[in-house]
Protein backbone atom coordinates (compact mmCIF):
# COMPACT_ATOMS: atom_id res chain seq x y z
CA UNK A 1 -172.81 -134.79 38.64
CA UNK A 2 -170.18 -136.50 38.47
CA UNK A 3 -167.25 -138.78 39.78
CA UNK A 4 -163.18 -138.68 39.16
CA UNK A 5 -161.18 -141.62 40.52
CA UNK A 6 -158.60 -139.93 42.91
CA UNK A 7 -155.02 -141.62 43.17
CA UNK A 8 -156.12 -143.19 46.74
CA UNK A 9 -159.36 -144.69 44.48
CA UNK A 10 -161.55 -143.43 46.65
CA UNK A 11 -164.01 -141.62 44.25
CA UNK A 12 -164.80 -137.90 44.88
CA UNK A 13 -168.40 -136.50 43.86
CA UNK A 14 -167.83 -132.93 41.33
CA UNK A 15 -170.04 -130.59 42.91
CA UNK A 16 -172.36 -129.31 41.85
CA UNK A 17 -173.86 -126.41 40.17
CA UNK A 18 -174.70 -123.99 43.88
CA UNK A 19 -177.74 -121.82 41.44
CA UNK A 20 -180.34 -124.03 40.11
CA UNK A 21 -182.36 -122.83 37.40
CA UNK A 22 -186.30 -121.53 36.91
CA UNK A 23 -187.04 -122.31 32.88
CA UNK A 24 -190.58 -119.94 31.94
CA UNK A 25 -192.62 -120.89 28.85
CA UNK A 26 -195.49 -118.78 28.77
CA UNK A 27 -197.02 -118.44 32.12
CA UNK A 28 -195.47 -121.68 34.16
CA UNK A 29 -191.90 -121.54 35.72
CA UNK A 30 -190.52 -124.42 36.66
CA UNK A 31 -187.01 -125.14 38.88
CA UNK A 32 -184.97 -127.43 38.89
CA UNK A 33 -181.63 -128.29 41.03
CA UNK A 34 -180.52 -131.10 38.97
CA UNK A 35 -180.89 -132.21 35.00
CA UNK A 36 -183.78 -133.03 33.20
CA UNK A 37 -185.47 -133.82 29.66
CA UNK A 38 -187.87 -130.79 27.70
CA UNK A 39 -190.07 -132.75 25.44
CA UNK A 40 -193.39 -134.28 25.30
CA UNK A 41 -192.66 -136.13 28.17
CA UNK A 42 -190.20 -135.04 30.23
CA UNK A 43 -189.67 -133.38 33.37
CA UNK A 44 -190.77 -130.08 31.49
CA UNK A 45 -193.72 -131.15 29.96
CA UNK A 46 -194.64 -129.27 26.55
CA UNK A 47 -197.33 -129.69 24.37
CA UNK A 48 -195.37 -128.32 21.00
CA UNK A 49 -196.57 -130.71 17.92
CA UNK A 50 -192.95 -130.21 16.49
CA UNK A 51 -191.41 -131.72 20.26
CA UNK A 52 -190.12 -135.31 20.84
CA UNK A 53 -190.84 -136.61 23.33
CA UNK A 54 -187.34 -136.08 25.56
CA UNK A 55 -186.22 -133.72 22.58
CA UNK A 56 -183.51 -132.08 24.61
CA UNK A 57 -181.53 -131.83 28.00
CA UNK A 58 -180.80 -129.13 30.54
CA UNK A 59 -177.69 -130.19 31.87
CA UNK A 60 -175.63 -129.19 35.25
CA UNK A 61 -171.77 -129.38 34.84
CA UNK A 62 -168.77 -127.22 36.90
CA UNK A 63 -171.54 -125.50 38.37
CA UNK A 64 -172.34 -124.00 34.92
CA UNK A 65 -176.11 -125.35 33.03
CA UNK A 66 -175.31 -126.58 29.55
CA UNK A 67 -178.94 -127.04 26.96
CA UNK A 68 -178.32 -130.50 24.49
CA UNK A 69 -180.59 -131.56 22.10
CA UNK A 70 -180.96 -135.31 22.06
CA UNK A 71 -181.08 -136.02 19.08
CA UNK A 72 -184.89 -134.59 17.56
CA UNK A 73 -185.95 -133.88 14.02
CA UNK A 74 -186.76 -130.06 14.45
CA UNK A 75 -183.82 -129.56 16.18
CA UNK A 76 -183.48 -127.22 19.10
CA UNK A 77 -182.57 -124.26 19.35
CA UNK A 78 -180.72 -121.04 21.41
CA UNK A 79 -181.06 -117.37 20.87
CA UNK A 80 -182.06 -118.09 17.64
CA UNK A 81 -179.01 -120.38 16.34
CA UNK A 82 -179.72 -124.36 15.79
CA UNK A 83 -178.16 -126.36 18.32
CA UNK A 84 -175.59 -129.39 17.29
CA UNK A 85 -173.06 -130.12 21.05
CA UNK A 86 -173.73 -128.73 23.87
CA UNK A 87 -174.70 -124.74 24.62
CA UNK A 88 -174.15 -122.91 27.71
CA UNK A 89 -176.71 -121.02 29.45
CA UNK A 90 -176.90 -117.70 30.22
CA UNK A 91 -180.10 -115.34 32.25
CA UNK A 92 -182.88 -114.33 29.81
CA UNK A 93 -181.64 -117.03 27.05
CA UNK A 94 -184.57 -118.45 24.72
CA UNK A 95 -184.90 -121.89 23.78
CA UNK A 96 -187.04 -122.29 22.20
CA UNK A 97 -188.53 -125.95 20.49
CA UNK A 98 -191.01 -126.26 18.09
CA UNK A 99 -193.63 -123.06 18.74
CA UNK A 100 -192.11 -122.54 22.33
CA UNK A 101 -189.73 -120.15 23.56
CA UNK A 102 -188.73 -120.52 26.42
CA UNK A 103 -186.17 -118.25 29.11
CA UNK A 104 -184.25 -118.71 31.38
CA UNK A 105 -184.90 -116.82 33.64
CA UNK A 106 -183.09 -114.69 36.63
CA UNK A 107 -182.80 -117.54 39.21
CA UNK A 108 -179.83 -118.35 37.37
CA UNK A 109 -177.14 -117.20 39.08
CA UNK A 110 -174.69 -115.85 36.62
């Protein structure tokens, strides 16, 4: 969530996403309503020797969801391509960290 200060000096919160985001990895599936991290110690914890403690962040902005790498050594991949800046997520997208592949499931309303 972000905030904008209007001309009156009152801070107005920008609306978050209207849909939650579900991520599936193997037989695990988690649904999130706010920003979260993926990694060995992230909100979405993965046991992968190539993952950093907090490897990538999934964040909401302007009603959409994005994935961004948090400066990891081994990188974060979206649909087979290494990302270097935040990338928009769509249902069915594949996020790979190390050997772990996660799928954005149809919970995402786009």
